[in-house]
PDB file of N, CA and C in Angstrom:
ATOM      1  N   MET A   1      84.506 104.128  81.342  1.00  0.00           N
ATOM      2  CA  MET A   1      85.682 103.531  81.942  1.00  0.00           C
ATOM      3  C   MET A   1      86.855 103.642  80.963  1.00  0.00           C
ATOM      4  N   VAL A   2      88.045 103.505  81.523  1.00  0.00           N
ATOM      5  CA  VAL A   2      89.270 103.591  80.733  1.00  0.00           C
ATOM      6  C   VAL A   2      90.120 102.349  81.002  1.00  0.00           C
ATOM      7  N   LYS A   3      90.635 101.758  79.930  1.00  0.00           N
ATOM      8  CA  LYS A   3      91.578 100.640  80.040  1.00  0.00           C
ATOM      9  C   LYS A   3      92.986 101.206  79.887  1.00  0.00           C
ATOM     10  N   HIS A   4      93.900 100.657  80.664  1.00  0.00           N
ATOM     11  CA  HIS A   4      95.323 101.031  80.636  1.00  0.00           C
ATOM     12  C   HIS A   4      96.076  99.711  80.490  1.00  0.00           C
ATOM     13  N   VAL A   5      96.660  99.494  79.315  1.00  0.00           N
ATOM     14  CA  VAL A   5      97.330  98.231  79.007  1.00  0.00           C
ATOM     15  C   VAL A   5      98.790  98.518  78.686  1.00  0.00           C
ATOM     16  N   ILE A   6      99.680  97.763  79.316  1.00  0.00           N
ATOM     17  CA  ILE A   6     101.117  97.939  79.096  1.00  0.00           C
ATOM     18  C   ILE A   6     101.746  96.585  78.809  1.00  0.00           C
ATOM     19  N   LEU A   7     102.664  96.561  77.870  1.00  0.00           N
ATOM     20  CA  LEU A   7     103.521  95.407  77.607  1.00  0.00           C
ATOM     21  C   LEU A   7     104.954  95.809  77.918  1.00  0.00           C
ATOM     22  N   TRP A   8     105.660  94.960  78.661  1.00  0.00           N
ATOM     23  CA  TRP A   8     107.057  95.207  78.973  1.00  0.00           C
ATOM     24  C   TRP A   8     107.925  94.058  78.466  1.00  0.00           C
ATOM     25  N   VAL A   9     109.145  94.402  78.117  1.00  0.00           N
ATOM     26  CA  VAL A   9     110.190  93.425  77.834  1.00  0.00           C
ATOM     27  C   VAL A   9     111.258  93.635  78.895  1.00  0.00           C
ATOM     28  N   LEU A  10     111.648  92.550  79.546  1.00  0.00           N
ATOM     29  CA  LEU A  10     112.701  92.635  80.553  1.00  0.00           C
ATOM     30  C   LEU A  10     114.063  92.748  79.889  1.00  0.00           C
ATOM     31  N   LYS A  11     115.012  93.279  80.602  1.00  0.00           N
ATOM     32  CA  LYS A  11     116.373  93.410  80.090  1.00  0.00           C
ATOM     33  C   LYS A  11     116.960  92.028  79.813  1.00  0.00           C
ATOM     34  N   ASP A  12     117.759  91.935  78.758  1.00  0.00           N
ATOM     35  CA  ASP A  12     118.361  90.662  78.342  1.00  0.00           C
ATOM     36  C   ASP A  12     119.370  90.110  79.334  1.00  0.00           C
ATOM     37  N   GLU A  13     119.898  90.954  80.186  1.00  0.00           N
ATOM     38  CA  GLU A  13     120.978  90.546  81.083  1.00  0.00           C
ATOM     39  C   GLU A  13     120.559  89.551  82.158  1.00  0.00           C
ATOM     40  N   TYR A  14     119.257  89.333  82.324  1.00  0.00           N
ATOM     41  CA  TYR A  14     118.775  88.455  83.387  1.00  0.00           C
ATOM     42  C   TYR A  14     118.607  87.024  82.898  1.00  0.00           C
ATOM     43  N   SER A  15     118.924  86.080  83.771  1.00  0.00           N
ATOM     44  CA  SER A  15     118.715  84.664  83.470  1.00  0.00           C
ATOM     45  C   SER A  15     117.222  84.360  83.528  1.00  0.00           C
ATOM     46  N   ALA A  16     116.841  83.172  83.068  1.00  0.00           N
ATOM     47  CA  ALA A  16     115.441  82.764  83.119  1.00  0.00           C
ATOM     48  C   ALA A  16     114.931  82.755  84.559  1.00  0.00           C
ATOM     49  N   GLU A  17     115.766  82.292  85.487  1.00  0.00           N
ATOM     50  CA  GLU A  17     115.367  82.254  86.900  1.00  0.00           C
ATOM     51  C   GLU A  17     115.186  83.665  87.455  1.00  0.00           C
ATOM     52  N   GLU A  18     116.100  84.560  87.110  1.00  0.00           N
ATOM     53  CA  GLU A  18     115.986  85.945  87.563  1.00  0.00           C
ATOM     54  C   GLU A  18     114.736  86.599  86.975  1.00  0.00           C
ATOM     55  N   LYS A  19     114.466  86.338  85.697  1.00  0.00           N
ATOM     56  CA  LYS A  19     113.280  86.910  85.062  1.00  0.00           C
ATOM     57  C   LYS A  19     112.007  86.413  85.735  1.00  0.00           C
ATOM     58  N   ALA A  20     111.970  85.149  86.095  1.00  0.00           N
ATOM     59  CA  ALA A  20     110.783  84.605  86.768  1.00  0.00           C
ATOM     60  C   ALA A  20     110.549  85.319  88.096  1.00  0.00           C
ATOM     61  N   LYS A  21     111.614  85.568  88.841  1.00  0.00           N
ATOM     62  CA  LYS A  21     111.498  86.260  90.121  1.00  0.00           C
ATOM     63  C   LYS A  21     111.057  87.716  89.916  1.00  0.00           C
ATOM     64  N   ILE A  22     111.651  88.384  88.949  1.00  0.00           N
ATOM     65  CA  ILE A  22     111.302  89.774  88.649  1.00  0.00           C
ATOM     66  C   ILE A  22     109.834  89.870  88.252  1.00  0.00           C
ATOM     67  N   LYS A  23     109.381  88.978  87.378  1.00  0.00           N
ATOM     68  CA  LYS A  23     107.984  88.994  86.938  1.00  0.00           C
ATOM     69  C   LYS A  23     107.034  88.772  88.115  1.00  0.00           C
ATOM     70  N   ALA A  24     107.377  87.862  88.994  1.00  0.00           N
ATOM     71  CA  ALA A  24     106.531  87.598  90.169  1.00  0.00           C
ATOM     72  C   ALA A  24     106.459  88.826  91.072  1.00  0.00           C
ATOM     73  N   GLU A  25     107.570  89.525  91.238  1.00  0.00           N
ATOM     74  CA  GLU A  25     107.582  90.719  92.088  1.00  0.00           C
ATOM     75  C   GLU A  25     106.803  91.867  91.456  1.00  0.00           C
ATOM     76  N   ILE A  26     106.913  92.012  90.144  1.00  0.00           N
ATOM     77  CA  ILE A  26     106.132  93.047  89.453  1.00  0.00           C
ATOM     78  C   ILE A  26     104.644  92.741  89.596  1.00  0.00           C
ATOM     79  N   LYS A  27     104.265  91.486  89.365  1.00  0.00           N
ATOM     80  CA  LYS A  27     102.858  91.080  89.484  1.00  0.00           C
ATOM     81  C   LYS A  27     102.330  91.361  90.882  1.00  0.00           C
ATOM     82  N   ALA A  28     103.054  90.938  91.899  1.00  0.00           N
ATOM     83  CA  ALA A  28     102.613  91.150  93.284  1.00  0.00           C
ATOM     84  C   ALA A  28     102.507  92.640  93.601  1.00  0.00           C
ATOM     85  N   GLY A  29     103.492  93.400  93.167  1.00  0.00           N
ATOM     86  CA  GLY A  29     103.488  94.836  93.454  1.00  0.00           C
ATOM     87  C   GLY A  29     102.336  95.564  92.797  1.00  0.00           C
ATOM     88  N   LEU A  30     102.131  95.326  91.503  1.00  0.00           N
ATOM     89  CA  LEU A  30     101.064  96.031  90.801  1.00  0.00           C
ATOM     90  C   LEU A  30      99.687  95.549  91.230  1.00  0.00           C
ATOM     91  N   GLU A  31      99.493  94.244  91.330  1.00  0.00           N
ATOM     92  CA  GLU A  31      98.175  93.748  91.735  1.00  0.00           C
ATOM     93  C   GLU A  31      97.856  94.131  93.175  1.00  0.00           C
ATOM     94  N   GLY A  32      98.884  94.372  93.980  1.00  0.00           N
ATOM     95  CA  GLY A  32      98.695  94.821  95.354  1.00  0.00           C
ATOM     96  C   GLY A  32      98.177  96.242  95.469  1.00  0.00           C
ATOM     97  N   LEU A  33      98.145  96.966  94.360  1.00  0.00           N
ATOM     98  CA  LEU A  33      97.640  98.336  94.376  1.00  0.00           C
ATOM     99  C   LEU A  33      96.116  98.401  94.416  1.00  0.00           C
ATOM    100  N   LYS A  34      95.452  97.283  94.098  1.00  0.00           N
ATOM    101  CA  LYS A  34      93.985  97.281  94.106  1.00  0.00           C
ATOM    102  C   LYS A  34      93.488  97.650  95.510  1.00  0.00           C
ATOM    103  N   GLY A  35      92.570  98.590  95.557  1.00  0.00           N
ATOM    104  CA  GLY A  35      92.022  99.045  96.826  1.00  0.00           C
ATOM    105  C   GLY A  35      92.800 100.190  97.452  1.00  0.00           C
ATOM    106  N   GLN A  36      93.944 100.533  96.898  1.00  0.00           N
ATOM    107  CA  GLN A  36      94.764 101.619  97.443  1.00  0.00           C
ATOM    108  C   GLN A  36      94.619 102.934  96.684  1.00  0.00           C
ATOM    109  N   ILE A  37      94.157 102.854  95.435  1.00  0.00           N
ATOM    110  CA  ILE A  37      94.135 104.038  94.585  1.00  0.00           C
ATOM    111  C   ILE A  37      92.702 104.311  94.133  1.00  0.00           C
ATOM    112  N   PRO A  38      92.189 105.503  94.441  1.00  0.00           N
ATOM    113  CA  PRO A  38      90.815 105.839  94.050  1.00  0.00           C
ATOM    114  C   PRO A  38      90.627 105.723  92.535  1.00  0.00           C
ATOM    115  N   GLY A  39      89.523 105.102  92.144  1.00  0.00           N
ATOM    116  CA  GLY A  39      89.189 105.001  90.724  1.00  0.00           C
ATOM    117  C   GLY A  39      89.797 103.811  90.012  1.00  0.00           C
ATOM    118  N   LEU A  40      90.690 103.073  90.678  1.00  0.00           N
ATOM    119  CA  LEU A  40      91.260 101.857  90.095  1.00  0.00           C
ATOM    120  C   LEU A  40      90.264 100.724  90.329  1.00  0.00           C
ATOM    121  N   ILE A  41      89.667 100.229  89.249  1.00  0.00           N
ATOM    122  CA  ILE A  41      88.615  99.218  89.362  1.00  0.00           C
ATOM    123  C   ILE A  41      89.209  97.812  89.351  1.00  0.00           C
ATOM    124  N   GLU A  42      90.113  97.554  88.415  1.00  0.00           N
ATOM    125  CA  GLU A  42      90.691  96.211  88.271  1.00  0.00           C
ATOM    126  C   GLU A  42      92.123  96.337  87.782  1.00  0.00           C
ATOM    127  N   ILE A  43      92.990  95.432  88.276  1.00  0.00           N
ATOM    128  CA  ILE A  43      94.381  95.433  87.835  1.00  0.00           C
ATOM    129  C   ILE A  43      94.886  93.990  87.846  1.00  0.00           C
ATOM    130  N   LYS A  44      95.379  93.556  86.696  1.00  0.00           N
ATOM    131  CA  LYS A  44      95.896  92.198  86.549  1.00  0.00           C
ATOM    132  C   LYS A  44      97.201  92.246  85.762  1.00  0.00           C
ATOM    133  N   VAL A  45      98.128  91.370  86.140  1.00  0.00           N
ATOM    134  CA  VAL A  45      99.395  91.256  85.427  1.00  0.00           C
ATOM    135  C   VAL A  45      99.528  89.818  84.949  1.00  0.00           C
ATOM    136  N   ASN A  46      99.768  89.647  83.655  1.00  0.00           N
ATOM    137  CA  ASN A  46      99.991  88.314  83.088  1.00  0.00           C
ATOM    138  C   ASN A  46     101.487  88.153  82.856  1.00  0.00           C
ATOM    139  N   THR A  47     102.054  87.098  83.445  1.00  0.00           N
ATOM    140  CA  THR A  47     103.496  86.853  83.346  1.00  0.00           C
ATOM    141  C   THR A  47     103.813  85.591  82.553  1.00  0.00           C
ATOM    142  N   GLU A  48     102.786  84.918  82.056  1.00  0.00           N
ATOM    143  CA  GLU A  48     102.993  83.626  81.399  1.00  0.00           C
ATOM    144  C   GLU A  48     102.524  83.645  79.952  1.00  0.00           C
ATOM    145  N   GLY A  49     103.215  84.406  79.121  1.00  0.00           N
ATOM    146  CA  GLY A  49     102.867  84.444  77.704  1.00  0.00           C
ATOM    147  C   GLY A  49     103.289  83.165  76.996  1.00  0.00           C
ATOM    148  N   LEU A  50     102.686  82.926  75.864  1.00  0.00           N
ATOM    149  CA  LEU A  50     103.064  81.783  75.040  1.00  0.00           C
ATOM    150  C   LEU A  50     104.431  82.019  74.409  1.00  0.00           C
ATOM    151  N   ALA A  51     105.041  80.971  73.897  1.00  0.00           N
ATOM    152  CA  ALA A  51     106.366  81.077  73.276  1.00  0.00           C
ATOM    153  C   ALA A  51     106.361  82.029  72.080  1.00  0.00           C
ATOM    154  N   SER A  52     105.222  82.230  71.463  1.00  0.00           N
ATOM    155  CA  SER A  52     105.117  83.126  70.312  1.00  0.00           C
ATOM    156  C   SER A  52     105.137  84.608  70.699  1.00  0.00           C
ATOM    157  N   SER A  53     105.110  84.897  71.987  1.00  0.00           N
ATOM    158  CA  SER A  53     105.073  86.289  72.465  1.00  0.00           C
ATOM    159  C   SER A  53     106.418  86.967  72.290  1.00  0.00           C
ATOM    160  N   ASN A  54     106.389  88.290  72.123  1.00  0.00           N
ATOM    161  CA  ASN A  54     107.633  89.048  72.091  1.00  0.00           C
ATOM    162  C   ASN A  54     107.676  90.086  73.213  1.00  0.00           C
ATOM    163  N   ALA A  55     106.867  89.863  74.249  1.00  0.00           N
ATOM    164  CA  ALA A  55     106.900  90.666  75.470  1.00  0.00           C
ATOM    165  C   ALA A  55     106.902  89.695  76.651  1.00  0.00           C
ATOM    166  N   ASP A  56     107.385  90.174  77.793  1.00  0.00           N
ATOM    167  CA  ASP A  56     107.499  89.326  78.976  1.00  0.00           C
ATOM    168  C   ASP A  56     106.330  89.458  79.937  1.00  0.00           C
ATOM    169  N   LEU A  57     105.706  90.631  79.988  1.00  0.00           N
ATOM    170  CA  LEU A  57     104.615  90.882  80.937  1.00  0.00           C
ATOM    171  C   LEU A  57     103.570  91.764  80.292  1.00  0.00           C
ATOM    172  N   LEU A  58     102.337  91.615  80.783  1.00  0.00           N
ATOM    173  CA  LEU A  58     101.245  92.459  80.351  1.00  0.00           C
ATOM    174  C   LEU A  58     100.505  92.963  81.581  1.00  0.00           C
ATOM    175  N   LEU A  59     100.289  94.255  81.636  1.00  0.00           N
ATOM    176  CA  LEU A  59      99.434  94.872  82.657  1.00  0.00           C
ATOM    177  C   LEU A  59      98.108  95.199  81.990  1.00  0.00           C
ATOM    178  N   ASP A  60      97.014  94.740  82.584  1.00  0.00           N
ATOM    179  CA  ASP A  60      95.671  95.031  82.097  1.00  0.00           C
ATOM    180  C   ASP A  60      94.912  95.649  83.272  1.00  0.00           C
ATOM    181  N   SER A  61      94.648  96.950  83.186  1.00  0.00           N
ATOM    182  CA  SER A  61      93.988  97.636  84.291  1.00  0.00           C
ATOM    183  C   SER A  61      92.811  98.459  83.779  1.00  0.00           C
ATOM    184  N   THR A  62      91.846  98.651  84.682  1.00  0.00           N
ATOM    185  CA  THR A  62      90.629  99.381  84.349  1.00  0.00           C
ATOM    186  C   THR A  62      90.423 100.476  85.394  1.00  0.00           C
ATOM    187  N   PHE A  63      90.088 101.672  84.896  1.00  0.00           N
ATOM    188  CA  PHE A  63      89.877 102.827  85.755  1.00  0.00           C
ATOM    189  C   PHE A  63      88.489 103.401  85.522  1.00  0.00           C
ATOM    190  N   LYS A  64      87.995 104.096  86.538  1.00  0.00           N
ATOM    191  CA  LYS A  64      86.680 104.730  86.476  1.00  0.00           C
ATOM    192  C   LYS A  64      86.592 105.678  85.283  1.00  0.00           C
ATOM    193  N   ASP A  65      87.643 106.465  85.083  1.00  0.00           N
ATOM    194  CA  ASP A  65      87.672 107.434  83.994  1.00  0.00           C
ATOM    195  C   ASP A  65      89.117 107.891  83.784  1.00  0.00           C
ATOM    196  N   GLU A  66      89.320 108.776  82.825  1.00  0.00           N
ATOM    197  CA  GLU A  66      90.666 109.246  82.510  1.00  0.00           C
ATOM    198  C   GLU A  66      91.291 110.010  83.675  1.00  0.00           C
ATOM    199  N   ALA A  67      90.483 110.720  84.435  1.00  0.00           N
ATOM    200  CA  ALA A  67      90.992 111.441  85.602  1.00  0.00           C
ATOM    201  C   ALA A  67      91.571 110.462  86.623  1.00  0.00           C
ATOM    202  N   ALA A  68      90.905 109.322  86.822  1.00  0.00           N
ATOM    203  CA  ALA A  68      91.401 108.313  87.763  1.00  0.00           C
ATOM    204  C   ALA A  68      92.733 107.728  87.281  1.00  0.00           C
ATOM    205  N   LEU A  69      92.881 107.552  85.967  1.00  0.00           N
ATOM    206  CA  LEU A  69      94.154 107.075  85.415  1.00  0.00           C
ATOM    207  C   LEU A  69      95.274 108.073  85.712  1.00  0.00           C
ATOM    208  N   LYS A  70      94.968 109.352  85.616  1.00  0.00           N
ATOM    209  CA  LYS A  70      95.967 110.383  85.915  1.00  0.00           C
ATOM    210  C   LYS A  70      96.349 110.365  87.396  1.00  0.00           C
ATOM    211  N   VAL A  71      95.389 110.125  88.271  1.00  0.00           N
ATOM    212  CA  VAL A  71      95.675 110.008  89.708  1.00  0.00           C
ATOM    213  C   VAL A  71      96.603 108.820  89.952  1.00  0.00           C
ATOM    214  N   TYR A  72      96.299 107.701  89.317  1.00  0.00           N
ATOM    215  CA  TYR A  72      97.111 106.485  89.431  1.00  0.00           C
ATOM    216  C   TYR A  72      98.570 106.745  89.020  1.00  0.00           C
ATOM    217  N   ALA A  73      98.744 107.464  87.922  1.00  0.00           N
ATOM    218  CA  ALA A  73     100.081 107.703  87.382  1.00  0.00           C
ATOM    219  C   ALA A  73     101.007 108.381  88.385  1.00  0.00           C
ATOM    220  N   THR A  74     100.461 109.227  89.236  1.00  0.00           N
ATOM    221  CA  THR A  74     101.292 109.972  90.183  1.00  0.00           C
ATOM    222  C   THR A  74     101.092 109.544  91.634  1.00  0.00           C
ATOM    223  N   HIS A  75     100.224 108.568  91.864  1.00  0.00           N
ATOM    224  CA  HIS A  75      99.953 108.119  93.228  1.00  0.00           C
ATOM    225  C   HIS A  75     101.227 107.519  93.841  1.00  0.00           C
ATOM    226  N   PRO A  76     101.581 107.887  95.062  1.00  0.00           N
ATOM    227  CA  PRO A  76     102.826 107.403  95.679  1.00  0.00           C
ATOM    228  C   PRO A  76     102.960 105.876  95.722  1.00  0.00           C
ATOM    229  N   ALA A  77     101.869 105.158  95.927  1.00  0.00           N
ATOM    230  CA  ALA A  77     101.941 103.691  95.965  1.00  0.00           C
ATOM    231  C   ALA A  77     102.316 103.133  94.594  1.00  0.00           C
ATOM    232  N   HIS A  78     101.738 103.700  93.540  1.00  0.00           N
ATOM    233  CA  HIS A  78     102.071 103.261  92.182  1.00  0.00           C
ATOM    234  C   HIS A  78     103.499 103.649  91.823  1.00  0.00           C
ATOM    235  N   VAL A  79     103.882 104.862  92.128  1.00  0.00           N
ATOM    236  CA  VAL A  79     105.239 105.330  91.817  1.00  0.00           C
ATOM    237  C   VAL A  79     106.281 104.449  92.516  1.00  0.00           C
ATOM    238  N   ALA A  80     106.007 104.047  93.742  1.00  0.00           N
ATOM    239  CA  ALA A  80     106.943 103.185  94.475  1.00  0.00           C
ATOM    240  C   ALA A  80     107.126 101.844  93.769  1.00  0.00           C
ATOM    241  N   VAL A  81     106.036 101.256  93.302  1.00  0.00           N
ATOM    242  CA  VAL A  81     106.135  99.980  92.579  1.00  0.00           C
ATOM    243  C   VAL A  81     106.840 100.185  91.247  1.00  0.00           C
ATOM    244  N   ALA A  82     106.457 101.212  90.519  1.00  0.00           N
ATOM    245  CA  ALA A  82     107.052 101.471  89.208  1.00  0.00           C
ATOM    246  C   ALA A  82     108.559 101.719  89.323  1.00  0.00           C
ATOM    247  N   ASP A  83     108.949 102.538  90.285  1.00  0.00           N
ATOM    248  CA  ASP A  83     110.369 102.879  90.436  1.00  0.00           C
ATOM    249  C   ASP A  83     111.186 101.760  91.079  1.00  0.00           C
ATOM    250  N   GLY A  84     110.553 100.945  91.926  1.00  0.00           N
ATOM    251  CA  GLY A  84     111.290  99.922  92.650  1.00  0.00           C
ATOM    252  C   GLY A  84     111.264  98.540  92.042  1.00  0.00           C
ATOM    253  N   LYS A  85     110.164  98.204  91.344  1.00  0.00           N
ATOM    254  CA  LYS A  85     110.005  96.835  90.853  1.00  0.00           C
ATOM    255  C   LYS A  85     109.928  96.721  89.333  1.00  0.00           C
ATOM    256  N   VAL A  86     109.596  97.801  88.634  1.00  0.00           N
ATOM    257  CA  VAL A  86     109.385  97.721  87.190  1.00  0.00           C
ATOM    258  C   VAL A  86     110.516  98.377  86.400  1.00  0.00           C
ATOM    259  N   ARG A  87     110.672  99.671  86.527  1.00  0.00           N
ATOM    260  CA  ARG A  87     111.607 100.412  85.676  1.00  0.00           C
ATOM    261  C   ARG A  87     113.054  99.917  85.717  1.00  0.00           C
ATOM    262  N   PRO A  88     113.576  99.521  86.872  1.00  0.00           N
ATOM    263  CA  PRO A  88     114.976  99.077  86.883  1.00  0.00           C
ATOM    264  C   PRO A  88     115.231  97.806  86.074  1.00  0.00           C
ATOM    265  N   PHE A  89     114.189  97.032  85.779  1.00  0.00           N
ATOM    266  CA  PHE A  89     114.361  95.715  85.184  1.00  0.00           C
ATOM    267  C   PHE A  89     113.858  95.603  83.747  1.00  0.00           C
ATOM    268  N   THR A  90     113.187  96.644  83.254  1.00  0.00           N
ATOM    269  CA  THR A  90     112.587  96.572  81.925  1.00  0.00           C
ATOM    270  C   THR A  90     113.399  97.322  80.884  1.00  0.00           C
ATOM    271  N   ALA A  91     113.450  96.726  79.688  1.00  0.00           N
ATOM    272  CA  ALA A  91     114.171  97.324  78.569  1.00  0.00           C
ATOM    273  C   ALA A  91     113.251  98.175  77.706  1.00  0.00           C
ATOM    274  N   SER A  92     111.984  97.768  77.623  1.00  0.00           N
ATOM    275  CA  SER A  92     111.041  98.536  76.806  1.00  0.00           C
ATOM    276  C   SER A  92     109.638  98.439  77.377  1.00  0.00           C
ATOM    277  N   ARG A  93     108.844  99.432  77.001  1.00  0.00           N
ATOM    278  CA  ARG A  93     107.459  99.550  77.476  1.00  0.00           C
ATOM    279  C   ARG A  93     106.611 100.083  76.337  1.00  0.00           C
ATOM    280  N   VAL A  94     105.458  99.452  76.115  1.00  0.00           N
ATOM    281  CA  VAL A  94     104.474  99.933  75.150  1.00  0.00           C
ATOM    282  C   VAL A  94     103.158 100.052  75.896  1.00  0.00           C
ATOM    283  N   CYS A  95     102.455 101.154  75.695  1.00  0.00           N
ATOM    284  CA  CYS A  95     101.229 101.417  76.452  1.00  0.00           C
ATOM    285  C   CYS A  95     100.113 101.800  75.480  1.00  0.00           C
ATOM    286  N   LEU A  96      98.896 101.333  75.794  1.00  0.00           N
ATOM    287  CA  LEU A  96      97.702 101.777  75.099  1.00  0.00           C
ATOM    288  C   LEU A  96      96.624 102.051  76.131  1.00  0.00           C
ATOM    289  N   ASP A  97      96.115 103.274  76.132  1.00  0.00           N
ATOM    290  CA  ASP A  97      94.999 103.676  76.991  1.00  0.00           C
ATOM    291  C   ASP A  97      93.806 103.931  76.076  1.00  0.00           C
ATOM    292  N   TYR A  98      92.630 103.432  76.474  1.00  0.00           N
ATOM    293  CA  TYR A  98      91.454 103.631  75.628  1.00  0.00           C
ATOM    294  C   TYR A  98      90.182 103.575  76.460  1.00  0.00           C
ATOM    295  N   GLU A  99      89.127 104.163  75.934  1.00  0.00           N
ATOM    296  CA  GLU A  99      87.834 104.175  76.614  1.00  0.00           C
ATOM    297  C   GLU A  99      87.051 102.912  76.277  1.00  0.00           C
ATOM    298  N   VAL A 100      86.328 102.406  77.268  1.00  0.00           N
ATOM    299  CA  VAL A 100      85.460 101.250  77.042  1.00  0.00           C
ATOM    300  C   VAL A 100      84.029 101.599  77.411  1.00  0.00           C
TER     301      VAL A 100
END
């Protein structure tokens, strides 16, 4: 199996209320992909980090294998969420993919 973990920081221009709404929409969009993409085993988004955190959201997803992760990356359902709910609102992204 392969883990795909991403940390995002939202753009500074948003208020706390706007950030809460954006985080909820990202969570709903990404977690809604479960069952739509072959090889995607589990997908969770954490939006409630502790005050000591320096990121706003964490994506923790598990795939059958590296090939399934590649399918996910270009799958139209994922691209729609990434382009519509994630990329317009994030200032930075850090990703780590690894085998488990």
